[in-house]
Structure formats: structure tokens, C-alpha cells
Amino acid sequence: MSTPTRAFVGRLSELDVFDPLGDKVGRVRDVVVTFSAARTRPRVIGLVVEVPGRRRVFVPMTRVTSVEGGQVITTGLVNMRRFEQRPNETLVVAELFEREVQVRVDSGDVVAATVQDVGIEQLGPRGWGVTRAAVRLSASRPGRLGIGRRRGETFVAPIEDVRGIRDASEGQGAAMLLETYEDLKPADLAEVIHDLTPQRRAEVAAALTDERLADVIEELPEDDQVEILVGLEVGRAADVLEAMEPDDAADLLSELPPERQEELLQKMDADEAADLRRLLTYDENTAGGLMTTEPVILGPEASIAEALAVVRRQELSTALACTVFVCRPPLETPTGKFLGIVHIQRLLREPPHAPIGGILDKDVEPLLPTASLGQVTRMLATYDLVGMPIVDEEGHLLGAVTVDDVLDHILPDDWREERHDVVAHTEVTRG
């Protein structure tokens, strides 16, 4: 009799997936299981696989022929439609890791523990199930843990000895989930978080740094943005808003009740709050509503070397790093008189000691904050610009509209949720 195929999900979620010819299909990101009152063991129904393009798709376990040898082999028939979790499905890495449970130990007592990993096993020609769980003990009373057991120890228990694994626990950690997805860009992590339950989203948000959470929130659908921000403690919500791009933060604030807006603005740095208050006065489909108040701004005497050092900053988005806006002091928006722009390609062609005031592009006519979305779009397209200067009646720079902000507004409202939708190559169903 052959040995059943076994794997721990923590290890499985790092493996590449190949078709029968040896061509790489993608990489395992998670395992999908279902619970049933009629079964003691949860059933494993498939894998979440990340394929080229950062799309996450569903691969049924009936398409998996092997999980041995440090790789996953499939039949090659994969549905390329974006994975969408169903209400009766549970993601092991995203939802079960770090869940608080109770486990029966050697002494017969049932003690508190935390799930560290989950073992799955092929139970028949076409069926996989959850058979084991690696848990970390958290009981503290002497004698409760049985022979050789101690608090903080991790051991493997039969799934039948683990209680509460199907029920979401309060205050579940998210460190292991984030470690699994640490290589994802904010937009891709946002897609993962969007697919989680509201409670799990809140737990993941709590575990992210302010800067990482700000980047992720900017990539989420509007409803998820509001849900996460409202769920944060006021002080932390204000910190996250400060870490966001001003235009995105203003858009998010505009979705909140006025009293909540004011509460958050009062908690923010005065200068940051002033920028957002100004942005909130503009209609969202105008240049003022689209612009960021923090483009790259330098005086005309700044050297090309200095300008290149500024646009090289890691925290700058690609769109903002492409254009330097040159103004008279003060250099914080609203600035002194706007003089012109310098494109990054021009910076790369000139001697580093030369001042940027000598290479200004003055042909781009700035727009007023009341300019319509259509006017902004036409200007960007006509002059092949990445960023468009926005000034007041006196010619002081108020901010800049970048091409990515325009795309956000002209794409359908649900584009973030549907960005990976493609025609399926092969239809497969989940049983």
C-alpha cells in the first residue's frame, strides 16, 4: 500500500506549480477548505495559485496529481478566472493561521493554543482532508499540559483533538499571514485583503505599519477603505491619513460624516490637515479634486544633481517622480510664483552642476483648480505629460494632477475589484 500524500500548508504555500510537461503555472498562495457538521475533518477543495500578472486563481484538488518533491504538479487544466472566495469556504493561511483554539493534551485536559500550521492529506483517489494541526500551547497552570508539555511549546495534534478551529476568534494575530505575503506590492496585497472577512481585514490592518496600511488602503475599493479607517482608533486613523497621498486621503475623508472628518483632521498635523481641508473644498471631478498637494517642488537655483536626488526618493510614486515643478519661494503649496516644469529625461541629459532654472519647460500652460476632468485629460494627452501643474489666479502652484489619478477617475467604479477578470481558458467548478 502506497504512503498517502501529506503536506503542511505553511510549506505548501511556498511551492511552485507545474503542468505535466514541466512548465511553471504559478505559485501556491493558500489552500481552500470547507467545514461540515457531517465530517470531523475539514475537506480540502483546492489551492489558490498566483499566476503571471499577479492574478490569484483557483485550482481544484482534483487537478492536483502530486505535492511531493518540493513542487506541485497539476493536470494542466486551470481556470484563469480570478479566485473569489465563497461564503462556505475558508482560506487556511489567511484565516486559520494564528487562530485561537482549544486542544486536548496528554493529560486529557483541553487547554488553550494557537494554530501555527495545518496538515493536509490525500485520503483517497480524489479527496483531500485536514488531518493535523501544529499548535502552540498557551496554558499556564502547572500540570495542565501533560507529560513533557510546557507553555509556548509547538506540537502536532490530530485535527479531531482541536476544538474551535472553524470559529473565528477575537483578536486573532496576522503576523504569519503578512509574512506569507510580504513580497506583494500594495495593490496585490489589497486584493488579498479585499477577499477577507471584515473581521479578518481589521486584524490584518492592525498588524500593518502605518505606511504599509496607507499604501494598501489607496489600492482598495471605496467601501473597504471606509470600513478599515472607521475601524481604527482615531489617533491611528489620523496617522494613516497623514501617510497617504493627500488626494487619496481627501477622497477617503469625503466619504465620512462631517463630524468624523473634523475629529480626524483635529488629530492630524496642522499642516497636513490644512492641505486636506483645502482639497475637500473642490469638486472631485475637477483639477482641484484630483490634485495632490505634494508634488516635487524646487526653486530655480537648485542643481540638477539635487533634483535627481529628490526624485530618487523611494517613497515617491513613479508618476510624481517624473516631473519637477519649479517655483519661487515658499516651496510648500501654495507656493510662490510657478515658473515651469522639468522632465526627468531632461535632468538625465544635462550636467549635474547646472541649475534647473535654465532648462525649464515653459510651454505647458497650468490649469486652475476649477478645470474639469475632461480639460485635465486632454492636456495630459495633448502634451504627453505625466503630471499637470495646477495654480491659483495669481499663478501660485497649488498642486499637480498625475496621470494615475486621472485613470482612477475615468475607469469604472469597480475597476479595482475587476482588474484581473479575463475570459476563462478552461471552465472548472468547485464541488
Protein backbone atom coordinates (compact mmCIF):
# COMPACT_ATOMS: atom_id res chain seq x y z
CA MET A 1 0.00 0.00 0.00
CA SER A 2 1.45 3.39 -1.01
CA THR A 3 2.07 6.13 1.52
CA PRO A 4 -0.63 8.83 1.42
CA THR A 5 0.47 12.24 0.11
CA ARG A 6 0.85 14.67 3.02
CA ALA A 7 1.86 18.31 3.34
CA PHE A 8 1.79 21.18 5.79
CA VAL A 9 0.15 24.26 4.31
CA GLY A 10 2.92 26.56 5.57
CA ARG A 11 5.39 24.67 3.38
CA LEU A 12 2.93 24.12 0.55
CA SER A 13 2.25 27.86 0.23
CA GLU A 14 5.87 28.40 -0.86
CA LEU A 15 5.87 25.87 -3.70
CA ASP A 16 5.75 26.43 -7.45
CA VAL A 17 3.02 24.78 -9.52
CA PHE A 18 3.86 22.97 -12.76
CA ASP A 19 1.87 21.32 -15.53
CA PRO A 20 2.62 17.73 -16.65
CA LEU A 21 5.15 18.99 -19.23
CA GLY A 22 7.20 20.77 -16.58
CA ASP A 23 6.12 24.31 -17.46
CA LYS A 24 5.56 26.58 -14.48
CA VAL A 25 1.92 27.57 -13.94
CA GLY A 26 2.33 29.75 -10.86
CA ARG A 27 2.91 29.63 -7.13
CA VAL A 28 0.68 28.37 -4.31
CA ARG A 29 -0.59 31.20 -2.11
CA ASP A 30 -3.23 29.47 0.02
CA VAL A 31 -5.37 26.37 0.49
CA VAL A 32 -9.17 26.39 0.42
CA VAL A 33 -11.08 24.18 2.87
CA THR A 34 -14.71 23.70 3.84
CA PHE A 35 -16.22 22.64 7.16
CA SER A 36 -19.26 20.43 7.60
CA ALA A 37 -21.19 19.22 10.62
CA ALA A 38 -21.30 15.79 9.00
CA ARG A 39 -17.50 15.49 8.79
CA THR A 40 -14.94 15.51 11.59
CA ARG A 41 -12.19 16.58 9.23
CA PRO A 42 -12.43 19.72 7.10
CA ARG A 43 -12.34 18.95 3.37
CA VAL A 44 -9.62 20.44 1.18
CA ILE A 45 -11.20 21.55 -2.11
CA GLY A 46 -8.41 23.43 -3.84
CA LEU A 47 -5.43 25.74 -3.97
CA VAL A 48 -5.20 29.47 -4.52
CA VAL A 49 -2.43 29.86 -7.09
CA GLU A 50 -0.80 33.10 -8.15
CA VAL A 51 -0.22 33.03 -11.91
CA PRO A 52 1.72 35.54 -14.07
CA GLY A 53 0.22 39.01 -13.80
CA ARG A 54 -0.27 38.58 -10.03
CA ARG A 55 -3.70 37.06 -10.67
CA ARG A 56 -4.90 34.64 -8.00
CA VAL A 57 -6.83 31.70 -9.45
CA PHE A 58 -8.48 28.57 -8.07
CA VAL A 59 -7.03 25.12 -8.79
CA PRO A 60 -9.27 22.25 -7.57
CA MET A 61 -7.53 19.44 -5.72
CA THR A 62 -8.96 17.11 -8.38
CA ARG A 63 -6.49 18.78 -10.76
CA VAL A 64 -3.53 18.16 -8.43
CA THR A 65 -1.62 14.99 -9.16
CA SER A 66 1.32 15.43 -6.76
CA VAL A 67 2.58 17.70 -3.96
CA GLU A 68 5.89 15.93 -3.48
CA GLY A 69 9.48 16.75 -4.35
CA GLY A 70 9.21 20.44 -3.48
CA GLN A 71 6.66 21.17 -6.19
CA VAL A 72 3.01 20.83 -7.07
CA ILE A 73 2.08 19.03 -10.28
CA THR A 74 -1.33 19.59 -11.89
CA THR A 75 -3.15 18.18 -14.89
CA GLY A 76 -2.56 21.49 -16.65
CA LEU A 77 -6.27 22.35 -16.92
CA VAL A 78 -6.50 25.62 -14.99
CA ASN A 79 -9.33 28.15 -14.95
CA MET A 80 -7.69 31.58 -15.29
CA ARG A 81 -10.65 33.46 -13.84
CA ARG A 82 -9.82 35.41 -10.69
CA PHE A 83 -10.40 33.48 -7.47
CA GLU A 84 -13.38 34.66 -5.45
CA GLN A 85 -13.94 33.11 -2.04
CA ARG A 86 -17.41 31.69 -1.41
CA PRO A 87 -19.23 32.09 1.92
CA ASN A 88 -18.75 28.43 2.92
CA GLU A 89 -15.02 28.42 2.15
CA THR A 90 -12.10 29.11 4.48
CA LEU A 91 -8.57 30.12 3.50
CA VAL A 92 -6.03 28.31 5.66
CA VAL A 93 -3.16 30.84 5.59
CA ALA A 94 -5.39 33.91 5.61
CA GLU A 95 -7.93 32.78 8.20
CA LEU A 96 -6.75 29.74 10.21
CA PHE A 97 -3.12 30.55 10.95
CA GLU A 98 -2.83 32.16 14.43
CA ARG A 99 -6.44 31.29 15.28
CA GLU A 100 -7.01 30.65 18.99
CA VAL A 101 -8.29 27.13 19.65
CA GLN A 102 -8.51 24.51 22.40
CA VAL A 103 -6.54 21.28 22.13
CA ARG A 104 -6.65 18.01 24.05
CA VAL A 105 -3.20 17.16 25.50
CA ASP A 106 -1.61 14.05 27.01
CA SER A 107 -3.24 14.58 30.39
CA GLY A 108 -6.69 14.56 28.79
CA ASP A 109 -7.23 18.22 29.64
CA VAL A 110 -8.34 20.67 26.97
CA VAL A 111 -6.10 23.75 27.00
CA ALA A 112 -5.74 26.98 25.03
CA ALA A 113 -3.46 27.04 21.99
CA THR A 114 -2.81 28.93 18.76
CA VAL A 115 -2.75 27.36 15.29
CA GLN A 116 0.71 27.62 13.70
CA ASP A 117 0.19 25.37 10.68
CA VAL A 118 -2.28 22.91 9.23
CA GLY A 119 -1.51 19.48 7.78
CA ILE A 120 -3.46 18.12 4.83
CA GLU A 121 -3.50 14.61 3.44
CA GLN A 122 -4.79 12.77 0.41
CA LEU A 123 -7.48 10.46 1.77
CA GLY A 124 -8.50 8.79 -1.46
CA PRO A 125 -8.13 8.98 -5.24
CA ARG A 126 -9.98 12.32 -5.43
CA GLY A 127 -10.28 13.52 -1.87
CA TRP A 128 -8.08 15.58 0.46
CA GLY A 129 -8.73 16.49 4.06
CA VAL A 130 -7.26 18.38 7.01
CA THR A 131 -5.79 15.75 9.33
CA ARG A 132 -3.42 17.62 11.67
CA ALA A 133 -2.69 20.99 13.17
CA ALA A 134 0.58 22.32 14.53
CA VAL A 135 -0.39 24.33 17.62
CA ARG A 136 1.46 26.44 20.19
CA LEU A 137 0.31 25.85 23.74
CA SER A 138 -0.65 28.85 25.83
CA ALA A 139 -1.99 27.33 29.07
CA SER A 140 -0.11 28.49 32.15
CA ARG A 141 -1.28 26.34 35.06
CA PRO A 142 1.34 23.73 36.10
CA GLY A 143 0.31 20.15 35.39
CA ARG A 144 -2.33 21.06 32.81
CA LEU A 145 -0.23 20.29 29.74
CA GLY A 146 0.59 16.65 30.37
CA ILE A 147 3.86 14.75 30.23
CA GLY A 148 6.71 16.70 28.65
CA ARG A 149 4.49 19.62 27.59
CA ARG A 150 5.18 23.22 28.52
CA ARG A 151 3.73 26.62 27.73
CA GLY A 152 4.91 28.01 24.38
CA GLU A 153 5.72 24.56 23.01
CA THR A 154 4.59 23.73 19.49
CA PHE A 155 3.43 20.21 18.71
CA VAL A 156 1.29 18.44 16.14
CA ALA A 157 -2.17 17.25 17.19
CA PRO A 158 -4.76 15.22 15.29
CA ILE A 159 -7.41 17.55 13.95
CA GLU A 160 -10.01 15.63 15.98
CA ASP A 161 -8.30 16.88 19.18
CA VAL A 162 -8.51 20.54 18.11
CA ARG A 163 -11.67 22.44 19.02
CA GLY A 164 -12.81 25.83 17.76
CA ILE A 165 -10.77 25.83 14.57
CA ARG A 166 -13.79 26.63 12.43
CA ASP A 167 -14.87 29.61 14.55
CA ALA A 168 -13.16 32.97 14.12
CA SER A 169 -11.53 34.09 17.36
CA GLU A 170 -11.41 37.61 18.74
CA GLY A 171 -8.08 39.39 18.34
CA GLN A 172 -6.53 36.82 16.02
CA GLY A 173 -2.98 37.69 15.01
CA ALA A 174 -1.92 38.34 11.41
CA ALA A 175 1.89 38.15 11.51
CA MET A 176 2.08 34.78 9.75
CA LEU A 177 -0.32 35.87 7.03
CA LEU A 178 1.67 39.04 6.37
CA GLU A 179 4.94 37.09 6.34
CA THR A 180 3.48 34.87 3.61
CA TYR A 181 2.54 37.89 1.51
CA GLU A 182 5.49 40.17 2.37
CA ASP A 183 6.72 40.19 -1.24
CA LEU A 184 3.45 41.53 -2.64
CA LYS A 185 3.08 45.06 -3.96
CA PRO A 186 0.42 47.17 -2.19
CA ALA A 187 -2.11 46.66 -5.00
CA ASP A 188 -1.74 42.88 -4.81
CA LEU A 189 -1.88 42.79 -1.00
CA ALA A 190 -5.00 44.96 -1.24
CA GLU A 191 -6.59 42.29 -3.43
CA VAL A 192 -5.82 39.65 -0.81
CA ILE A 193 -7.26 41.82 1.98
CA HIS A 194 -10.37 42.62 -0.07
CA ASP A 195 -11.20 38.91 -0.20
CA LEU A 196 -11.06 38.52 3.61
CA THR A 197 -13.96 38.77 6.02
CA PRO A 198 -14.46 42.20 7.66
CA GLN A 199 -13.15 40.90 10.99
CA ARG A 200 -10.03 39.45 9.38
CA ARG A 201 -9.48 42.64 7.39
CA ALA A 202 -9.49 44.60 10.63
CA GLU A 203 -6.98 42.21 12.20
CA VAL A 204 -4.64 42.46 9.22
CA ALA A 205 -4.95 46.26 9.22
CA ALA A 206 -4.00 46.32 12.89
CA ALA A 207 -0.82 44.34 12.15
CA LEU A 208 0.40 46.55 9.27
CA THR A 209 2.62 49.58 9.80
CA ASP A 210 1.01 52.96 9.17
CA GLU A 211 2.94 53.44 5.91
CA ARG A 212 2.15 49.95 4.56
CA LEU A 213 -1.50 50.27 5.55
CA ALA A 214 -1.71 53.68 3.87
CA ASP A 215 -0.31 52.21 0.63
CA VAL A 216 -2.77 49.30 0.77
CA ILE A 217 -5.80 51.46 1.55
CA GLU A 218 -5.08 53.57 -1.52
CA GLU A 219 -5.48 50.42 -3.64
CA LEU A 220 -8.71 49.15 -2.04
CA PRO A 221 -12.29 49.70 -3.21
CA GLU A 222 -14.01 52.64 -1.53
CA ASP A 223 -16.21 50.55 0.77
CA ASP A 224 -13.20 48.65 2.12
CA GLN A 225 -11.29 51.90 2.65
CA VAL A 226 -14.07 53.38 4.76
CA GLU A 227 -14.61 50.15 6.70
CA ILE A 228 -10.93 49.89 7.68
CA LEU A 229 -10.48 53.56 8.54
CA VAL A 230 -13.64 53.67 10.68
CA GLY A 231 -12.46 50.55 12.50
CA LEU A 232 -9.17 52.13 13.56
CA GLU A 233 -8.66 54.08 16.78
CA VAL A 234 -8.95 57.80 15.96
CA GLY A 235 -5.29 58.61 16.60
CA ARG A 236 -4.06 55.79 14.39
CA ALA A 237 -6.57 56.61 11.66
CA ALA A 238 -5.18 60.16 11.61
CA ASP A 239 -1.61 58.80 11.34
CA VAL A 240 -2.61 56.58 8.40
CA LEU A 241 -4.29 59.50 6.63
CA GLU A 242 -1.07 61.52 7.03
CA ALA A 243 0.88 58.69 5.40
CA MET A 244 -1.48 58.57 2.40
CA GLU A 245 -1.18 60.71 -0.72
CA PRO A 246 -3.13 63.91 0.07
CA ASP A 247 -5.57 63.49 -2.83
CA ASP A 248 -6.36 59.90 -1.81
CA ALA A 249 -6.72 60.91 1.85
CA ALA A 250 -9.09 63.74 0.89
CA ASP A 251 -11.18 61.38 -1.26
CA LEU A 252 -11.46 58.99 1.68
CA LEU A 253 -12.34 61.73 4.15
CA SER A 254 -15.07 62.97 1.83
CA GLU A 255 -16.86 59.63 2.29
CA LEU A 256 -17.11 60.11 6.08
CA PRO A 257 -19.71 62.10 8.03
CA PRO A 258 -18.64 65.73 8.67
CA GLU A 259 -18.21 65.18 12.41
CA ARG A 260 -15.89 62.21 11.80
CA GLN A 261 -13.92 64.22 9.24
CA GLU A 262 -13.38 67.02 11.74
CA GLU A 263 -12.41 64.60 14.51
CA LEU A 264 -9.68 63.10 12.32
CA LEU A 265 -8.47 66.44 11.00
CA GLN A 266 -8.11 67.73 14.56
CA LYS A 267 -5.83 64.77 15.36
CA MET A 268 -3.60 65.32 12.33
CA ASP A 269 -0.55 67.54 11.98
CA ALA A 270 -1.77 71.10 11.39
CA ASP A 271 -0.02 71.50 8.02
CA GLU A 272 -1.23 68.09 6.77
CA ALA A 273 -4.77 68.90 7.89
CA ALA A 274 -4.66 72.29 6.15
CA ASP A 275 -3.81 70.61 2.83
CA LEU A 276 -6.72 68.19 3.20
CA ARG A 277 -9.16 70.93 4.20
CA ARG A 278 -8.23 72.79 1.03
CA LEU A 279 -8.67 69.69 -1.14
CA LEU A 280 -12.06 68.97 0.41
CA THR A 281 -13.39 72.29 -0.90
CA TYR A 282 -13.05 71.17 -4.54
CA ASP A 283 -15.44 69.00 -6.50
CA GLU A 284 -13.99 65.53 -7.03
CA ASN A 285 -14.24 65.80 -10.85
CA THR A 286 -12.18 68.99 -11.08
CA ALA A 287 -8.44 69.54 -11.20
CA GLY A 288 -8.56 70.66 -7.57
CA GLY A 289 -10.31 67.47 -6.53
CA LEU A 290 -7.82 65.32 -8.46
CA MET A 291 -4.57 67.00 -7.49
CA THR A 292 -2.01 66.13 -4.87
CA THR A 293 -0.58 68.95 -2.79
CA GLU A 294 2.82 67.22 -2.51
CA PRO A 295 4.48 67.09 -5.94
CA VAL A 296 8.24 67.51 -6.25
CA ILE A 297 8.85 71.28 -5.89
CA LEU A 298 12.24 73.01 -6.11
CA GLY A 299 13.50 76.54 -6.59
CA PRO A 300 15.17 77.59 -9.89
CA GLU A 301 18.60 77.73 -8.26
CA ALA A 302 18.56 74.04 -7.29
CA SER A 303 21.11 71.96 -9.18
CA ILE A 304 20.27 69.09 -11.48
CA ALA A 305 22.12 66.77 -9.08
CA GLU A 306 19.86 67.94 -6.25
CA ALA A 307 16.75 67.41 -8.37
CA LEU A 308 17.84 63.88 -9.28
CA ALA A 309 18.45 63.10 -5.62
CA VAL A 310 14.93 64.25 -4.75
CA VAL A 311 13.13 62.27 -7.48
CA ARG A 312 15.15 59.21 -6.49
CA ARG A 313 13.38 59.03 -3.11
CA GLN A 314 11.78 55.62 -2.64
CA GLU A 315 8.54 56.95 -1.17
CA LEU A 316 7.71 58.86 -4.35
CA SER A 317 5.31 57.22 -6.77
CA THR A 318 6.55 56.69 -10.32
CA ALA A 319 4.18 59.35 -11.64
CA LEU A 320 5.31 62.01 -9.15
CA ALA A 321 8.99 61.23 -9.73
CA CYS A 322 8.75 62.04 -13.44
CA THR A 323 8.28 65.81 -13.08
CA VAL A 324 9.89 68.58 -11.03
CA PHE A 325 7.76 71.70 -10.54
CA VAL A 326 9.88 74.83 -10.29
CA CYS A 327 8.60 77.79 -8.24
CA ARG A 328 9.73 80.87 -6.33
CA PRO A 329 9.76 80.51 -2.52
CA PRO A 330 7.90 79.46 -0.48
CA LEU A 331 8.20 75.92 -1.84
CA GLU A 332 5.28 74.45 0.13
CA THR A 333 1.88 74.59 -1.59
CA PRO A 334 0.51 77.14 -2.19
CA THR A 335 3.94 78.20 -3.38
CA GLY A 336 5.40 81.38 -4.72
CA LYS A 337 5.09 82.10 -8.44
CA PHE A 338 5.07 78.99 -10.62
CA LEU A 339 7.90 79.14 -13.22
CA GLY A 340 7.70 75.90 -15.18
CA ILE A 341 8.44 72.17 -15.10
CA VAL A 342 11.46 69.98 -15.70
CA HIS A 343 11.04 66.45 -17.03
CA ILE A 344 13.19 63.67 -15.61
CA GLN A 345 14.59 62.79 -19.05
CA ARG A 346 15.92 66.33 -19.41
CA LEU A 347 17.55 66.06 -15.97
CA LEU A 348 19.40 62.96 -17.12
CA ARG A 349 20.79 64.71 -20.20
CA GLU A 350 22.25 67.80 -18.52
CA PRO A 351 25.43 68.33 -16.42
CA PRO A 352 24.71 67.72 -12.71
CA HIS A 353 26.08 71.10 -11.55
CA ALA A 354 23.77 73.20 -13.77
CA PRO A 355 20.72 74.91 -12.18
CA ILE A 356 17.30 73.56 -13.14
CA GLY A 357 16.07 77.10 -13.77
CA GLY A 358 18.00 77.02 -17.03
CA ILE A 359 16.18 74.01 -18.50
CA LEU A 360 12.56 74.85 -17.73
CA ASP A 361 9.72 73.71 -19.96
CA LYS A 362 7.53 76.82 -20.03
CA ASP A 363 5.26 75.67 -22.85
CA VAL A 364 2.86 73.77 -20.55
CA GLU A 365 0.05 76.11 -19.59
CA PRO A 366 -1.05 75.36 -15.99
CA LEU A 367 -4.72 74.83 -15.17
CA LEU A 368 -6.91 76.38 -12.49
CA PRO A 369 -8.33 74.10 -9.78
CA THR A 370 -11.80 74.58 -11.28
CA ALA A 371 -10.76 72.95 -14.58
CA SER A 372 -12.87 69.92 -15.43
CA LEU A 373 -11.67 66.34 -15.56
CA GLY A 374 -12.05 66.49 -19.33
CA GLN A 375 -9.77 69.52 -19.59
CA VAL A 376 -7.12 67.82 -17.46
CA THR A 377 -7.31 64.62 -19.50
CA ARG A 378 -6.98 66.46 -22.81
CA MET A 379 -3.98 68.47 -21.60
CA LEU A 380 -2.15 65.37 -20.39
CA ALA A 381 -2.85 63.56 -23.66
CA THR A 382 -2.08 66.51 -25.94
CA TYR A 383 1.35 67.22 -24.45
CA ASP A 384 2.26 63.64 -23.41
CA LEU A 385 2.53 64.70 -19.79
CA VAL A 386 2.69 62.55 -16.66
CA GLY A 387 1.92 65.47 -14.32
CA MET A 388 -0.06 68.68 -14.83
CA PRO A 389 0.52 71.86 -12.74
CA ILE A 390 -2.50 73.40 -11.01
CA VAL A 391 -2.25 77.08 -10.00
CA ASP A 392 -4.47 79.77 -8.49
CA GLU A 393 -5.47 83.04 -10.16
CA GLU A 394 -2.17 84.67 -9.08
CA GLY A 395 -0.04 81.88 -10.55
CA HIS A 396 0.91 80.17 -7.29
CA LEU A 397 1.29 76.40 -7.55
CA LEU A 398 -1.46 74.61 -5.59
CA GLY A 399 -0.61 71.07 -6.58
CA ALA A 400 -0.34 68.67 -9.52
CA VAL A 401 -2.59 66.14 -11.19
CA THR A 402 -0.81 62.95 -12.29
CA VAL A 403 -1.95 60.53 -14.94
CA ASP A 404 -2.63 57.75 -12.42
CA ASP A 405 -5.11 59.98 -10.57
CA VAL A 406 -6.94 60.65 -13.84
CA LEU A 407 -7.12 56.93 -14.61
CA ASP A 408 -8.64 56.30 -11.17
CA HIS A 409 -11.50 58.63 -12.07
CA ILE A 410 -12.18 57.62 -15.67
CA LEU A 411 -12.12 53.85 -15.08
CA PRO A 412 -15.36 52.16 -13.88
CA ASP A 413 -16.04 52.46 -10.14
CA ASP A 414 -15.38 48.74 -9.59
CA TRP A 415 -12.16 48.53 -11.60
CA ARG A 416 -10.07 47.58 -8.56
CA GLU A 417 -12.29 44.57 -7.91
CA GLU A 418 -12.43 43.50 -11.56
CA ARG A 419 -8.87 44.32 -12.66
CA HIS A 420 -7.91 40.65 -13.17
CA ASP A 421 -11.09 39.47 -14.86
CA VAL A 422 -10.31 37.61 -18.07
CA VAL A 423 -12.07 35.05 -20.18
CA ALA A 424 -11.52 31.63 -18.64
CA HIS A 425 -9.29 29.27 -20.60
CA THR A 426 -10.97 26.18 -19.21
CA GLU A 427 -14.09 26.10 -17.08
CA VAL A 428 -13.81 24.13 -13.85
CA THR A 429 -16.22 24.05 -10.95
CA ARG A 430 -15.88 23.79 -7.21
CA GLY A 431 -17.80 20.98 -5.63
